[in-house]
Amino acid sequence: MDDTLIAMIKERGDKSKLLIDLAKQTVAFKDDAGETGEPYAIKPLAELYGKGTGIDSVDFKDDSFLPLLMAIEEALYDAYRAQPSLTDAAALFALDRLCMSPEADVRNDPLACDIQIGIRVALSFNDYSRQDVRLGLRKVKQSAARHNKLAGTRGYLNFIRKHLGKQRAI
C-alpha cells in the first residue's frame, strides 16, 4: 500500500476528486474550484506489496480479491474498447508474462503495461502480497482461457465487455 497517497486522500477528505492518469502513471487531486494539484507518481509494484490476504486460492465470489481482479479486468476492458481488434490470445500472452513476474519490465507490451499499471493503482489502496497478485493474475488467465475455448477468438474480451460495461453504466 502507498501510505503517503492514502494520507494525502485522507487530508483532502471530500474536498477534492482523485484523477488517475494511467498513461503518465500518476494521480492528482482536483479541488472544487477545478484546480488540479501537482501529480503524484504511482509507486513501482515492488514497493507496493503488503502482507497480503494469506489465502491460497482466489474465488471470484470472495470480495477480498475484488479490487485486484477488477483492476486486471478493467485494464483489459479499457484496452479492448480502445483497440477492438485485440484478441484473447494477446490478453492471454500478457497475463502469462505477468503471472511469471508481475513486476517485470513490460514496456514493449502495451497491454501487459496497462494491466501492470492497473495493479499498481489497486495495490496503492489495498493490502496484497506478491503471491496475491500472482494468484489474481492466474485466476483471470484461467477465466480468459475458458471463455476463449468456449466462445472463440474474442470470447473472453466480449465476456468482460458485456459484464464490465453493465457495471460502469450504473
Protein backbone atom coordinates (compact mmCIF):
# COMPACT_ATOMS: atom_id res chain seq x y z
CA MET A 1 0.00 0.00 0.00
CA ASP A 2 1.05 3.57 -0.52
CA ASP A 3 0.67 5.19 2.90
CA THR A 4 1.69 8.60 1.54
CA LEU A 5 -1.06 8.57 -1.09
CA ILE A 6 -3.65 7.33 1.42
CA ALA A 7 -2.65 10.12 3.83
CA MET A 8 -3.00 12.68 1.03
CA ILE A 9 -6.51 11.43 0.32
CA LYS A 10 -7.49 11.50 3.99
CA GLU A 11 -6.09 15.01 4.35
CA ARG A 12 -8.22 16.28 1.48
CA GLY A 13 -11.33 14.37 2.52
CA ASP A 14 -14.33 15.06 0.31
CA LYS A 15 -12.92 18.40 -0.81
CA SER A 16 -11.29 17.06 -3.96
CA LYS A 17 -11.54 14.42 -6.65
CA LEU A 18 -8.74 11.94 -7.37
CA LEU A 19 -7.66 11.87 -11.02
CA ILE A 20 -5.69 8.84 -12.19
CA ASP A 21 -3.58 9.24 -15.33
CA LEU A 22 -2.58 5.75 -16.39
CA ALA A 23 -0.53 6.97 -19.35
CA LYS A 24 1.66 9.15 -17.11
CA GLN A 25 1.40 6.70 -14.19
CA THR A 26 0.39 9.50 -11.82
CA VAL A 27 -2.50 10.63 -9.66
CA ALA A 28 -3.54 14.20 -8.93
CA PHE A 29 -6.24 15.94 -6.94
CA LYS A 30 -8.79 18.30 -8.45
CA ASP A 31 -10.42 20.69 -5.97
CA ASP A 32 -13.92 22.18 -6.00
CA ALA A 33 -12.65 25.22 -7.93
CA GLY A 34 -11.42 22.95 -10.74
CA GLU A 35 -7.74 23.42 -9.94
CA THR A 36 -5.56 20.35 -10.32
CA GLY A 37 -2.66 19.88 -7.95
CA GLU A 38 0.79 18.51 -8.61
CA PRO A 39 0.80 14.95 -9.96
CA TYR A 40 1.96 12.21 -7.62
CA ALA A 41 3.80 9.27 -9.18
CA ILE A 42 2.30 5.84 -8.60
CA LYS A 43 4.95 3.75 -6.85
CA PRO A 44 6.59 0.78 -8.59
CA LEU A 45 4.92 -2.55 -7.97
CA ALA A 46 7.73 -3.96 -5.84
CA GLU A 47 7.27 -1.08 -3.36
CA LEU A 48 3.51 -1.64 -3.06
CA TYR A 49 3.38 -5.28 -1.95
CA GLY A 50 1.94 -5.77 1.51
CA LYS A 51 1.39 -8.66 3.88
CA GLY A 52 -1.49 -9.85 1.75
CA THR A 53 -4.52 -11.95 2.42
CA GLY A 54 -2.82 -15.23 3.27
CA ILE A 55 -5.34 -17.00 1.04
CA ASP A 56 -4.04 -19.86 -1.11
CA SER A 57 -6.56 -19.58 -3.94
CA VAL A 58 -8.88 -16.98 -5.41
CA ASP A 59 -12.65 -17.37 -5.56
CA PHE A 60 -14.48 -14.82 -7.73
CA LYS A 61 -17.20 -14.79 -5.07
CA ASP A 62 -14.71 -13.75 -2.36
CA ASP A 63 -14.76 -9.96 -2.06
CA SER A 64 -11.24 -9.80 -0.61
CA PHE A 65 -9.75 -10.09 -4.12
CA LEU A 66 -12.36 -7.94 -5.87
CA PRO A 67 -10.26 -4.72 -6.14
CA LEU A 68 -7.34 -6.67 -7.60
CA LEU A 69 -9.42 -8.73 -10.04
CA MET A 70 -11.35 -5.64 -11.14
CA ALA A 71 -8.10 -3.74 -11.75
CA ILE A 72 -6.85 -6.51 -14.03
CA GLU A 73 -10.13 -6.94 -15.90
CA GLU A 74 -10.76 -3.19 -16.22
CA ALA A 75 -7.33 -2.77 -17.83
CA LEU A 76 -8.25 -5.49 -20.34
CA TYR A 77 -11.69 -3.96 -20.89
CA ASP A 78 -10.25 -0.48 -21.50
CA ALA A 79 -7.65 -1.87 -23.91
CA TYR A 80 -10.34 -3.76 -25.85
CA ARG A 81 -12.53 -0.65 -26.06
CA ALA A 82 -9.56 1.34 -27.38
CA GLN A 83 -8.46 -1.41 -29.77
CA PRO A 84 -11.38 -3.59 -30.96
CA SER A 85 -9.01 -5.80 -32.97
CA LEU A 86 -7.46 -7.07 -29.71
CA THR A 87 -7.79 -10.83 -29.24
CA ASP A 88 -7.93 -13.20 -26.30
CA ALA A 89 -4.53 -14.52 -27.42
CA ALA A 90 -2.95 -11.12 -26.77
CA ALA A 91 -4.65 -10.94 -23.38
CA LEU A 92 -3.51 -14.46 -22.50
CA PHE A 93 0.05 -13.66 -23.56
CA ALA A 94 0.15 -10.51 -21.41
CA LEU A 95 -1.40 -12.31 -18.43
CA ASP A 96 1.02 -15.21 -18.79
CA ARG A 97 4.00 -12.84 -18.76
CA LEU A 98 2.74 -11.09 -15.64
CA CYS A 99 1.90 -14.38 -13.88
CA MET A 100 5.58 -15.29 -14.04
CA SER A 101 6.78 -11.91 -12.78
CA PRO A 102 4.19 -9.23 -12.01
CA GLU A 103 6.87 -6.53 -11.73
CA ALA A 104 8.66 -7.48 -14.98
CA ASP A 105 9.72 -4.78 -17.42
CA VAL A 106 6.81 -4.89 -19.88
CA ARG A 107 7.36 -1.60 -21.71
CA ASN A 108 7.45 -3.49 -25.03
CA ASP A 109 3.96 -4.93 -24.40
CA PRO A 110 1.37 -2.14 -24.08
CA LEU A 111 -1.37 -4.48 -22.85
CA ALA A 112 0.81 -6.00 -20.12
CA CYS A 113 1.90 -2.47 -19.20
CA ASP A 114 -1.75 -1.36 -18.85
CA ILE A 115 -2.53 -4.37 -16.66
CA GLN A 116 0.54 -3.73 -14.53
CA ILE A 117 -0.39 -0.07 -14.02
CA GLY A 118 -3.92 -1.10 -13.03
CA ILE A 119 -2.45 -3.49 -10.47
CA ARG A 120 -0.20 -0.72 -9.13
CA VAL A 121 -3.21 1.52 -8.61
CA ALA A 122 -5.09 -1.30 -6.85
CA LEU A 123 -2.09 -2.01 -4.62
CA SER A 124 -1.77 1.67 -3.77
CA PHE A 125 -5.03 1.36 -1.84
CA ASN A 126 -5.20 -2.33 -0.87
CA ASP A 127 -3.01 -4.76 1.03
CA TYR A 128 -1.97 -7.53 -1.38
CA SER A 129 1.21 -9.57 -1.37
CA ARG A 130 3.17 -10.58 -4.46
CA GLN A 131 1.62 -14.04 -4.11
CA ASP A 132 -1.89 -12.50 -4.02
CA VAL A 133 -1.14 -10.62 -7.25
CA ARG A 134 0.13 -13.77 -8.93
CA LEU A 135 -2.97 -15.67 -7.78
CA GLY A 136 -5.23 -12.92 -9.11
CA LEU A 137 -3.45 -12.87 -12.47
CA ARG A 138 -3.69 -16.67 -12.72
CA LYS A 139 -7.40 -16.58 -11.91
CA VAL A 140 -8.08 -14.04 -14.64
CA LYS A 141 -5.88 -16.01 -17.06
CA GLN A 142 -7.86 -19.19 -16.32
CA SER A 143 -11.11 -17.34 -16.94
CA ALA A 144 -9.74 -15.91 -20.20
CA ALA A 145 -8.64 -19.35 -21.39
CA ARG A 146 -12.01 -20.89 -20.50
CA HIS A 147 -14.05 -18.19 -22.28
CA ASN A 148 -11.70 -18.30 -25.27
CA LYS A 149 -12.11 -22.05 -25.57
CA LEU A 150 -15.91 -21.83 -25.29
CA ALA A 151 -16.57 -18.72 -27.41
CA GLY A 152 -13.63 -18.24 -29.75
CA THR A 153 -11.08 -15.58 -30.61
CA ARG A 154 -12.62 -12.80 -28.52
CA GLY A 155 -14.79 -14.87 -26.21
CA TYR A 156 -13.19 -13.60 -23.03
CA LEU A 157 -12.89 -9.99 -24.14
CA ASN A 158 -16.54 -9.95 -25.21
CA PHE A 159 -17.48 -11.51 -21.86
CA ILE A 160 -15.77 -8.77 -19.84
CA ARG A 161 -17.09 -6.09 -22.19
CA LYS A 162 -20.61 -7.36 -21.55
CA HIS A 163 -20.22 -7.57 -17.78
CA LEU A 164 -17.97 -4.61 -17.04
CA GLY A 165 -19.88 -2.39 -19.43
CA LYS A 166 -23.02 -3.02 -17.36
CA GLN A 167 -21.22 -2.21 -14.11
CA ARG A 168 -19.73 1.01 -15.42
CA ALA A 169 -23.10 2.20 -16.72
CA ILE A 170 -24.54 2.14 -13.20
